[in-house]
Amino acid sequence: MTTIDLNEQKIKKIMADRQKDYGDYDENFRLLAIIFNVILHDILKDDIQPHQVAQLMMGLKLFRTSKKFKSDNYDDLEIYTKMAKNLHKKTIDKKDKDE
């Protein structure tokens, strides 16, 4: 088994554990987008989309990597990248379907 396979297995396990603990990320980021939009209503031109919530989380994890090494931050950054990619694709696919 290669290092890439082992890393992919680790990431899948982390994602499965987090889904068990916190629920589906797609639904969670949709709800977080709603909360962020309410909080930032007076200063936003457009609503935050679920994939942008994942991007914000990526920014947080990237910032944390600049402060102190913690392997978990890099794992989370990889996971949030996958989530952002999936959610962004859904947004684009839905937009294309609606047009």
Protein backbone atom coordinates (compact mmCIF):
# COMPACT_ATOMS: atom_id res chain seq x y z
CA MET A 1 0.00 0.00 0.00
CA THR A 2 1.35 3.43 -0.94
CA THR A 3 1.59 6.51 1.24
CA ILE A 4 -1.13 8.12 -0.89
CA ASP A 5 -3.47 5.18 -0.25
CA LEU A 6 -2.79 5.35 3.49
CA ASN A 7 -3.43 9.10 3.54
CA GLU A 8 -6.67 8.67 1.59
CA GLN A 9 -7.81 6.00 4.06
CA LYS A 10 -6.95 8.30 6.98
CA ILE A 11 -8.87 11.20 5.43
CA LYS A 12 -11.90 8.98 4.72
CA LYS A 13 -11.88 7.75 8.32
CA ILE A 14 -11.66 11.30 9.69
CA MET A 15 -14.53 12.38 7.43
CA ALA A 16 -16.66 9.38 8.47
CA ASP A 17 -15.95 10.05 12.17
CA ARG A 18 -16.83 13.72 11.80
CA GLN A 19 -20.02 12.90 9.91
CA LYS A 20 -20.98 10.54 12.73
CA ASP A 21 -20.26 13.23 15.33
CA TYR A 22 -21.56 16.33 13.52
CA GLY A 23 -23.75 15.17 10.64
CA ASP A 24 -23.59 15.72 6.90
CA TYR A 25 -21.20 18.52 5.90
CA ASP A 26 -23.36 19.50 2.93
CA GLU A 27 -26.30 20.26 5.23
CA ASN A 28 -24.09 21.78 7.93
CA PHE A 29 -22.36 24.20 5.55
CA ARG A 30 -25.74 25.16 4.04
CA LEU A 31 -26.97 26.01 7.54
CA LEU A 32 -23.73 27.82 8.41
CA ALA A 33 -24.09 29.87 5.23
CA ILE A 34 -27.56 30.94 6.39
CA ILE A 35 -26.21 31.88 9.84
CA PHE A 36 -23.25 33.79 8.33
CA ASN A 37 -25.62 35.61 5.97
CA VAL A 38 -27.84 36.69 8.87
CA ILE A 39 -24.85 37.90 10.89
CA LEU A 40 -23.27 39.71 7.93
CA HIS A 41 -26.53 40.84 6.29
CA ASP A 42 -25.82 44.56 6.53
CA ILE A 43 -22.35 44.36 5.00
CA LEU A 44 -22.63 41.66 2.33
CA LYS A 45 -23.51 42.41 -1.27
CA ASP A 46 -24.34 38.74 -2.01
CA ASP A 47 -25.12 35.73 0.17
CA ILE A 48 -22.36 33.35 1.21
CA GLN A 49 -22.72 29.95 -0.44
CA PRO A 50 -22.01 26.60 1.28
CA HIS A 51 -18.77 26.10 -0.68
CA GLN A 52 -17.61 29.50 0.56
CA VAL A 53 -18.15 28.33 4.15
CA ALA A 54 -15.73 25.49 3.37
CA GLN A 55 -13.32 28.06 1.88
CA LEU A 56 -13.54 30.12 5.06
CA MET A 57 -12.75 27.01 7.09
CA MET A 58 -9.78 26.38 4.79
CA GLY A 59 -8.57 29.89 5.54
CA LEU A 60 -8.84 29.24 9.27
CA LYS A 61 -6.87 26.00 9.01
CA LEU A 62 -4.26 27.60 6.76
CA PHE A 63 -3.84 30.41 9.28
CA ARG A 64 -3.44 27.89 12.09
CA THR A 65 -0.65 26.12 10.16
CA SER A 66 1.31 29.38 10.21
CA LYS A 67 1.19 29.55 14.02
CA LYS A 68 2.13 26.07 15.18
CA PHE A 69 2.62 22.67 13.62
CA LYS A 70 -0.29 20.41 14.30
CA SER A 71 -0.84 17.58 11.85
CA ASP A 72 -4.60 17.79 12.38
CA ASN A 73 -4.70 21.26 10.78
CA TYR A 74 -3.23 19.87 7.55
CA ASP A 75 -5.65 16.93 7.60
CA ASP A 76 -8.57 19.32 8.12
CA LEU A 77 -7.30 21.60 5.36
CA GLU A 78 -7.27 18.64 2.97
CA ILE A 79 -10.76 17.63 4.06
CA TYR A 80 -12.18 21.14 3.72
CA THR A 81 -10.61 21.36 0.25
CA LYS A 82 -12.47 18.21 -0.82
CA MET A 83 -15.69 19.52 0.70
CA ALA A 84 -15.33 22.92 -1.00
CA LYS A 85 -14.67 21.24 -4.34
CA ASN A 86 -17.75 19.00 -4.04
CA LEU A 87 -20.03 21.81 -2.85
CA HIS A 88 -18.78 24.28 -5.44
CA LYS A 89 -19.37 21.71 -8.21
CA LYS A 90 -22.93 21.21 -6.93
CA THR A 91 -23.49 24.98 -7.04
CA ILE A 92 -22.17 25.22 -10.62
CA ASP A 93 -24.13 22.13 -11.75
CA LYS A 94 -27.35 23.54 -10.23
CA LYS A 95 -26.73 26.94 -11.83
CA ASP A 96 -26.14 25.31 -15.22
CA LYS A 97 -29.30 23.21 -14.82
CA ASP A 98 -31.39 26.27 -13.91
CA GLU A 99 -30.28 28.23 -16.99
